[in-house]
N, C-alpha and C. Protein backbone atom coordinates (compact mmCIF):
# COMPACT_ATOMS: atom_id res chain seq x y z
N VAL A 1 6.56 -19.98 -2.34
CA VAL A 1 5.60 -18.90 -2.15
C VAL A 1 6.34 -17.57 -2.18
N GLN A 2 5.75 -16.63 -2.88
CA GLN A 2 6.28 -15.26 -2.89
C GLN A 2 5.18 -14.32 -2.41
N LEU A 3 5.59 -13.26 -1.75
CA LEU A 3 4.65 -12.28 -1.23
C LEU A 3 4.96 -10.91 -1.80
N GLN A 4 3.90 -10.18 -2.09
CA GLN A 4 4.09 -8.80 -2.56
C GLN A 4 3.10 -7.91 -1.83
N ALA A 5 3.62 -6.89 -1.19
CA ALA A 5 2.80 -5.99 -0.39
C ALA A 5 2.54 -4.70 -1.15
N PHE A 6 1.35 -4.16 -0.93
CA PHE A 6 0.92 -2.91 -1.57
C PHE A 6 0.19 -2.05 -0.55
N GLY A 7 0.05 -0.78 -0.88
CA GLY A 7 -0.89 0.04 -0.14
C GLY A 7 -0.31 1.09 0.78
N GLY A 8 0.99 1.13 0.94
CA GLY A 8 1.56 2.16 1.80
C GLY A 8 1.41 3.53 1.20
N GLY A 9 1.69 4.54 2.01
CA GLY A 9 1.60 5.90 1.52
C GLY A 9 1.65 6.89 2.65
N LEU A 10 1.31 8.12 2.31
CA LEU A 10 1.31 9.22 3.27
C LEU A 10 -0.13 9.53 3.66
N VAL A 11 -0.38 9.62 4.95
CA VAL A 11 -1.72 9.91 5.43
C VAL A 11 -1.61 10.83 6.65
N GLN A 12 -2.63 11.61 6.87
CA GLN A 12 -2.64 12.49 8.04
C GLN A 12 -3.11 11.74 9.28
N THR A 13 -2.77 12.27 10.42
CA THR A 13 -3.23 11.70 11.68
C THR A 13 -4.74 11.55 11.67
N GLY A 14 -5.17 10.37 12.09
CA GLY A 14 -6.60 10.08 12.10
C GLY A 14 -7.09 9.41 10.84
N GLY A 15 -6.25 9.35 9.84
CA GLY A 15 -6.65 8.77 8.57
C GLY A 15 -6.55 7.25 8.55
N SER A 16 -6.83 6.68 7.39
CA SER A 16 -6.85 5.23 7.23
C SER A 16 -6.08 4.83 5.98
N LEU A 17 -5.56 3.63 6.03
CA LEU A 17 -4.93 3.00 4.88
C LEU A 17 -5.24 1.51 4.94
N ARG A 18 -5.25 0.87 3.79
CA ARG A 18 -5.38 -0.58 3.76
C ARG A 18 -4.19 -1.15 3.01
N LEU A 19 -3.46 -2.00 3.68
CA LEU A 19 -2.35 -2.70 3.07
C LEU A 19 -2.84 -4.05 2.54
N SER A 20 -2.27 -4.45 1.42
CA SER A 20 -2.58 -5.75 0.83
C SER A 20 -1.29 -6.54 0.67
N CYS A 21 -1.42 -7.84 0.77
CA CYS A 21 -0.28 -8.72 0.57
C CYS A 21 -0.76 -9.90 -0.26
N THR A 22 -0.29 -9.99 -1.47
CA THR A 22 -0.70 -11.06 -2.38
C THR A 22 0.34 -12.16 -2.42
N ALA A 23 -0.12 -13.37 -2.23
CA ALA A 23 0.76 -14.53 -2.26
C ALA A 23 0.65 -15.23 -3.60
N SER A 24 1.77 -15.71 -4.09
CA SER A 24 1.78 -16.49 -5.33
C SER A 24 2.64 -17.73 -5.12
N GLY A 25 2.44 -18.70 -5.98
CA GLY A 25 3.18 -19.95 -5.84
C GLY A 25 2.35 -20.98 -5.11
N SER A 26 2.99 -21.79 -4.30
CA SER A 26 2.32 -22.90 -3.62
C SER A 26 1.59 -22.43 -2.37
N THR A 27 0.55 -21.65 -2.58
CA THR A 27 -0.16 -21.07 -1.44
C THR A 27 -0.91 -22.13 -0.63
N TYR A 28 -1.04 -23.30 -1.19
CA TYR A 28 -1.70 -24.39 -0.45
C TYR A 28 -1.00 -24.63 0.87
N TYR A 29 0.30 -24.38 0.93
CA TYR A 29 1.07 -24.69 2.12
C TYR A 29 1.17 -23.54 3.12
N VAL A 30 0.48 -22.43 2.83
CA VAL A 30 0.52 -21.31 3.76
C VAL A 30 -0.31 -21.64 4.99
N PHE A 31 0.27 -21.51 6.16
CA PHE A 31 -0.44 -21.73 7.42
C PHE A 31 -1.03 -20.43 7.97
N LYS A 32 -0.23 -19.39 7.97
CA LYS A 32 -0.73 -18.11 8.46
C LYS A 32 0.03 -16.97 7.79
N MET A 33 -0.59 -15.81 7.83
CA MET A 33 0.03 -14.60 7.28
C MET A 33 0.08 -13.55 8.39
N GLY A 34 1.19 -12.87 8.46
CA GLY A 34 1.35 -11.86 9.48
C GLY A 34 1.85 -10.54 8.91
N TRP A 35 1.67 -9.52 9.71
CA TRP A 35 2.20 -8.19 9.38
C TRP A 35 3.14 -7.75 10.50
N PHE A 36 4.25 -7.18 10.10
CA PHE A 36 5.23 -6.64 11.02
C PHE A 36 5.56 -5.22 10.56
N ARG A 37 6.17 -4.46 11.45
CA ARG A 37 6.57 -3.12 11.04
C ARG A 37 7.89 -2.75 11.71
N GLN A 38 8.61 -1.87 11.05
CA GLN A 38 9.87 -1.40 11.60
C GLN A 38 9.94 0.11 11.40
N ALA A 39 9.92 0.80 12.52
CA ALA A 39 10.04 2.25 12.50
C ALA A 39 11.51 2.64 12.47
N PRO A 40 11.81 3.84 12.01
CA PRO A 40 13.22 4.28 11.95
C PRO A 40 13.89 4.18 13.32
N GLY A 41 15.03 3.52 13.34
CA GLY A 41 15.79 3.42 14.58
C GLY A 41 15.25 2.42 15.58
N LYS A 42 14.24 1.66 15.18
CA LYS A 42 13.64 0.69 16.11
C LYS A 42 13.70 -0.71 15.53
N GLU A 43 13.51 -1.68 16.40
CA GLU A 43 13.48 -3.06 15.94
C GLU A 43 12.12 -3.38 15.30
N ARG A 44 12.14 -4.39 14.47
CA ARG A 44 10.89 -4.84 13.86
C ARG A 44 9.96 -5.39 14.93
N GLU A 45 8.70 -5.07 14.81
CA GLU A 45 7.73 -5.55 15.79
C GLU A 45 6.54 -6.20 15.11
N PHE A 46 5.97 -7.12 15.81
CA PHE A 46 4.77 -7.83 15.34
C PHE A 46 3.57 -6.88 15.38
N VAL A 47 2.74 -6.96 14.35
CA VAL A 47 1.52 -6.15 14.30
C VAL A 47 0.28 -7.02 14.39
N ALA A 48 0.21 -8.03 13.52
CA ALA A 48 -1.01 -8.85 13.48
C ALA A 48 -0.74 -10.12 12.69
N HIS A 49 -1.58 -11.13 12.93
CA HIS A 49 -1.53 -12.30 12.07
C HIS A 49 -2.91 -12.95 12.01
N ILE A 50 -3.06 -13.78 11.01
CA ILE A 50 -4.30 -14.52 10.82
C ILE A 50 -3.95 -15.83 10.13
N THR A 51 -4.64 -16.88 10.49
CA THR A 51 -4.40 -18.14 9.81
C THR A 51 -4.98 -18.07 8.39
N TRP A 52 -4.44 -18.84 7.51
CA TRP A 52 -4.87 -18.78 6.13
C TRP A 52 -6.30 -19.27 5.96
N THR A 53 -6.76 -20.06 6.92
CA THR A 53 -8.17 -20.46 6.89
C THR A 53 -9.07 -19.34 7.39
N GLY A 54 -8.49 -18.30 7.93
CA GLY A 54 -9.28 -17.15 8.35
C GLY A 54 -9.54 -17.07 9.84
N GLY A 55 -9.02 -18.04 10.55
CA GLY A 55 -9.29 -18.03 11.96
C GLY A 55 -8.16 -17.41 12.78
N SER A 56 -8.44 -17.27 14.07
CA SER A 56 -7.44 -16.85 15.05
C SER A 56 -6.74 -15.55 14.71
N PRO A 57 -7.46 -14.48 14.35
CA PRO A 57 -6.78 -13.21 14.15
C PRO A 57 -6.21 -12.70 15.47
N LEU A 58 -5.04 -12.17 15.41
CA LEU A 58 -4.37 -11.66 16.59
C LEU A 58 -3.73 -10.33 16.25
N LEU A 59 -3.95 -9.33 17.09
CA LEU A 59 -3.35 -8.02 16.89
C LEU A 59 -2.56 -7.63 18.13
N SER A 60 -1.52 -6.87 17.92
CA SER A 60 -0.72 -6.40 19.05
C SER A 60 -1.50 -5.37 19.85
N ASP A 61 -1.08 -5.18 21.07
CA ASP A 61 -1.77 -4.23 21.94
C ASP A 61 -1.76 -2.82 21.36
N SER A 62 -0.70 -2.48 20.66
CA SER A 62 -0.56 -1.11 20.16
C SER A 62 -1.52 -0.78 19.02
N VAL A 63 -2.08 -1.80 18.37
CA VAL A 63 -2.96 -1.54 17.23
C VAL A 63 -4.37 -2.09 17.43
N ARG A 64 -4.55 -2.88 18.47
CA ARG A 64 -5.88 -3.48 18.69
C ARG A 64 -6.93 -2.39 18.86
N GLY A 65 -8.03 -2.56 18.18
CA GLY A 65 -9.09 -1.56 18.23
C GLY A 65 -9.00 -0.54 17.11
N ARG A 66 -7.84 -0.48 16.45
CA ARG A 66 -7.67 0.45 15.35
C ARG A 66 -7.39 -0.27 14.03
N PHE A 67 -6.71 -1.39 14.09
CA PHE A 67 -6.36 -2.15 12.89
C PHE A 67 -7.22 -3.41 12.84
N ARG A 68 -7.38 -3.91 11.64
CA ARG A 68 -8.09 -5.17 11.44
C ARG A 68 -7.37 -5.98 10.39
N ILE A 69 -7.19 -7.26 10.65
CA ILE A 69 -6.53 -8.15 9.70
C ILE A 69 -7.56 -9.09 9.11
N SER A 70 -7.43 -9.34 7.84
CA SER A 70 -8.34 -10.27 7.17
C SER A 70 -7.61 -10.89 5.99
N ARG A 71 -8.28 -11.82 5.35
CA ARG A 71 -7.68 -12.42 4.17
C ARG A 71 -8.78 -12.89 3.24
N ASP A 72 -8.49 -12.87 1.95
CA ASP A 72 -9.40 -13.39 0.94
C ASP A 72 -8.67 -14.57 0.29
N LYS A 73 -9.04 -15.75 0.72
CA LYS A 73 -8.31 -16.92 0.26
C LYS A 73 -8.44 -17.11 -1.25
N ALA A 74 -9.58 -16.76 -1.81
CA ALA A 74 -9.80 -16.92 -3.25
C ALA A 74 -8.85 -16.02 -4.05
N LYS A 75 -8.49 -14.89 -3.46
CA LYS A 75 -7.58 -13.97 -4.14
C LYS A 75 -6.14 -14.12 -3.66
N ASN A 76 -5.91 -15.07 -2.76
CA ASN A 76 -4.57 -15.27 -2.19
C ASN A 76 -4.00 -13.98 -1.63
N THR A 77 -4.85 -13.22 -0.99
CA THR A 77 -4.45 -11.89 -0.53
C THR A 77 -4.85 -11.69 0.92
N GLY A 78 -3.93 -11.16 1.69
CA GLY A 78 -4.22 -10.74 3.05
C GLY A 78 -4.28 -9.23 3.11
N TYR A 79 -5.03 -8.73 4.10
CA TYR A 79 -5.23 -7.29 4.22
C TYR A 79 -4.97 -6.83 5.64
N LEU A 80 -4.48 -5.61 5.76
CA LEU A 80 -4.37 -4.96 7.05
C LEU A 80 -5.05 -3.60 6.93
N GLN A 81 -6.24 -3.51 7.48
CA GLN A 81 -6.97 -2.25 7.48
C GLN A 81 -6.52 -1.44 8.69
N MET A 82 -6.00 -0.26 8.44
CA MET A 82 -5.45 0.57 9.50
C MET A 82 -6.27 1.84 9.61
N ASN A 83 -6.88 2.03 10.77
CA ASN A 83 -7.71 3.21 11.03
C ASN A 83 -7.11 4.01 12.18
N SER A 84 -7.56 5.23 12.30
CA SER A 84 -7.12 6.11 13.39
C SER A 84 -5.60 6.13 13.49
N LEU A 85 -4.96 6.30 12.36
CA LEU A 85 -3.50 6.28 12.34
C LEU A 85 -2.93 7.49 13.07
N ASN A 86 -1.79 7.28 13.68
CA ASN A 86 -1.08 8.36 14.35
C ASN A 86 0.41 8.28 13.97
N PRO A 87 1.16 9.32 14.24
CA PRO A 87 2.57 9.33 13.81
C PRO A 87 3.38 8.15 14.32
N GLU A 88 2.99 7.57 15.46
CA GLU A 88 3.71 6.40 15.99
C GLU A 88 3.53 5.16 15.11
N ASP A 89 2.60 5.21 14.20
CA ASP A 89 2.39 4.10 13.27
C ASP A 89 3.30 4.21 12.05
N THR A 90 4.03 5.28 11.93
CA THR A 90 4.94 5.45 10.80
C THR A 90 6.02 4.37 10.84
N ALA A 91 6.12 3.63 9.76
CA ALA A 91 7.07 2.51 9.70
C ALA A 91 7.03 1.89 8.31
N VAL A 92 7.99 1.03 8.07
CA VAL A 92 7.92 0.14 6.92
C VAL A 92 7.17 -1.11 7.38
N TYR A 93 6.13 -1.44 6.68
CA TYR A 93 5.30 -2.59 7.03
C TYR A 93 5.65 -3.76 6.10
N TYR A 94 5.81 -4.92 6.72
CA TYR A 94 6.16 -6.13 5.99
C TYR A 94 5.08 -7.19 6.20
N CYS A 95 4.74 -7.89 5.14
CA CYS A 95 3.91 -9.07 5.32
C CYS A 95 4.82 -10.30 5.29
N ALA A 96 4.38 -11.32 5.97
CA ALA A 96 5.17 -12.54 6.07
C ALA A 96 4.22 -13.72 6.14
N ALA A 97 4.71 -14.87 5.76
CA ALA A 97 3.89 -16.07 5.79
C ALA A 97 4.66 -17.22 6.40
N SER A 98 3.90 -18.08 7.04
CA SER A 98 4.44 -19.33 7.54
C SER A 98 4.08 -20.40 6.52
N VAL A 99 5.08 -20.97 5.86
CA VAL A 99 4.85 -21.94 4.81
C VAL A 99 5.52 -23.24 5.20
N ARG A 100 4.71 -24.18 5.63
CA ARG A 100 5.23 -25.48 6.07
C ARG A 100 6.30 -25.29 7.14
N ALA A 101 6.10 -24.32 8.01
CA ALA A 101 7.10 -24.00 9.02
C ALA A 101 6.48 -23.81 10.39
N GLY A 102 5.31 -24.36 10.60
CA GLY A 102 4.67 -24.20 11.90
C GLY A 102 4.37 -22.75 12.18
N ASN A 103 4.82 -22.28 13.32
CA ASN A 103 4.55 -20.90 13.72
C ASN A 103 5.63 -19.93 13.26
N MET A 104 6.66 -20.43 12.58
CA MET A 104 7.74 -19.56 12.17
C MET A 104 7.43 -18.91 10.83
N TYR A 105 7.71 -17.64 10.71
CA TYR A 105 7.53 -16.94 9.44
C TYR A 105 8.80 -17.14 8.61
N ASN A 106 8.66 -17.80 7.48
CA ASN A 106 9.84 -18.09 6.68
C ASN A 106 9.78 -17.50 5.28
N VAL A 107 8.74 -16.80 4.98
CA VAL A 107 8.64 -16.12 3.69
C VAL A 107 8.25 -14.67 3.96
N TRP A 108 8.99 -13.74 3.39
CA TRP A 108 8.75 -12.32 3.65
C TRP A 108 8.56 -11.59 2.33
N GLY A 109 7.66 -10.62 2.37
CA GLY A 109 7.48 -9.74 1.23
C GLY A 109 8.36 -8.51 1.38
N GLN A 110 8.38 -7.71 0.33
CA GLN A 110 9.12 -6.45 0.44
C GLN A 110 8.29 -5.51 1.32
N GLY A 111 8.89 -4.57 1.90
CA GLY A 111 8.17 -3.65 2.77
C GLY A 111 7.44 -2.58 1.99
N THR A 112 6.46 -2.02 2.66
CA THR A 112 5.75 -0.88 2.10
C THR A 112 5.71 0.21 3.17
N LEU A 113 6.06 1.41 2.78
CA LEU A 113 6.23 2.49 3.75
C LEU A 113 4.91 3.18 4.05
N VAL A 114 4.63 3.31 5.32
CA VAL A 114 3.47 4.07 5.79
C VAL A 114 3.99 5.26 6.58
N THR A 115 3.59 6.43 6.17
CA THR A 115 4.01 7.65 6.86
C THR A 115 2.76 8.41 7.30
N VAL A 116 2.70 8.68 8.60
CA VAL A 116 1.56 9.40 9.16
C VAL A 116 2.05 10.76 9.61
N SER A 117 1.49 11.78 9.03
CA SER A 117 1.89 13.13 9.37
C SER A 117 1.02 13.70 10.48
N SER A 118 1.63 14.54 11.29
CA SER A 118 0.88 15.13 12.42
C SER A 118 0.18 16.41 12.01
């Protein structure tokens, strides 16, 4: 399985962006897809995940109520809708998948940069 993320960019405070992550290859074995982010000088942190069947969406406390995770299984694509963005959301966002690995994320896409200006 390979992952490719799209959708980053520059947005003003209060704005919205939607990130996409398209999976290719043996997507039959994908258990869940997650989003992580890493801000400059900080460790990577969990943002959200959803099972590939579409159930059990989970968002971190820092984004709950502002972000929404979803997936379109027919398109092999996961989405992270980000609303009410603020400068603290500035980071490189990564999508990741658990492929025949239980709860562990073992496949990672390239990052996409999200910059929120004040």
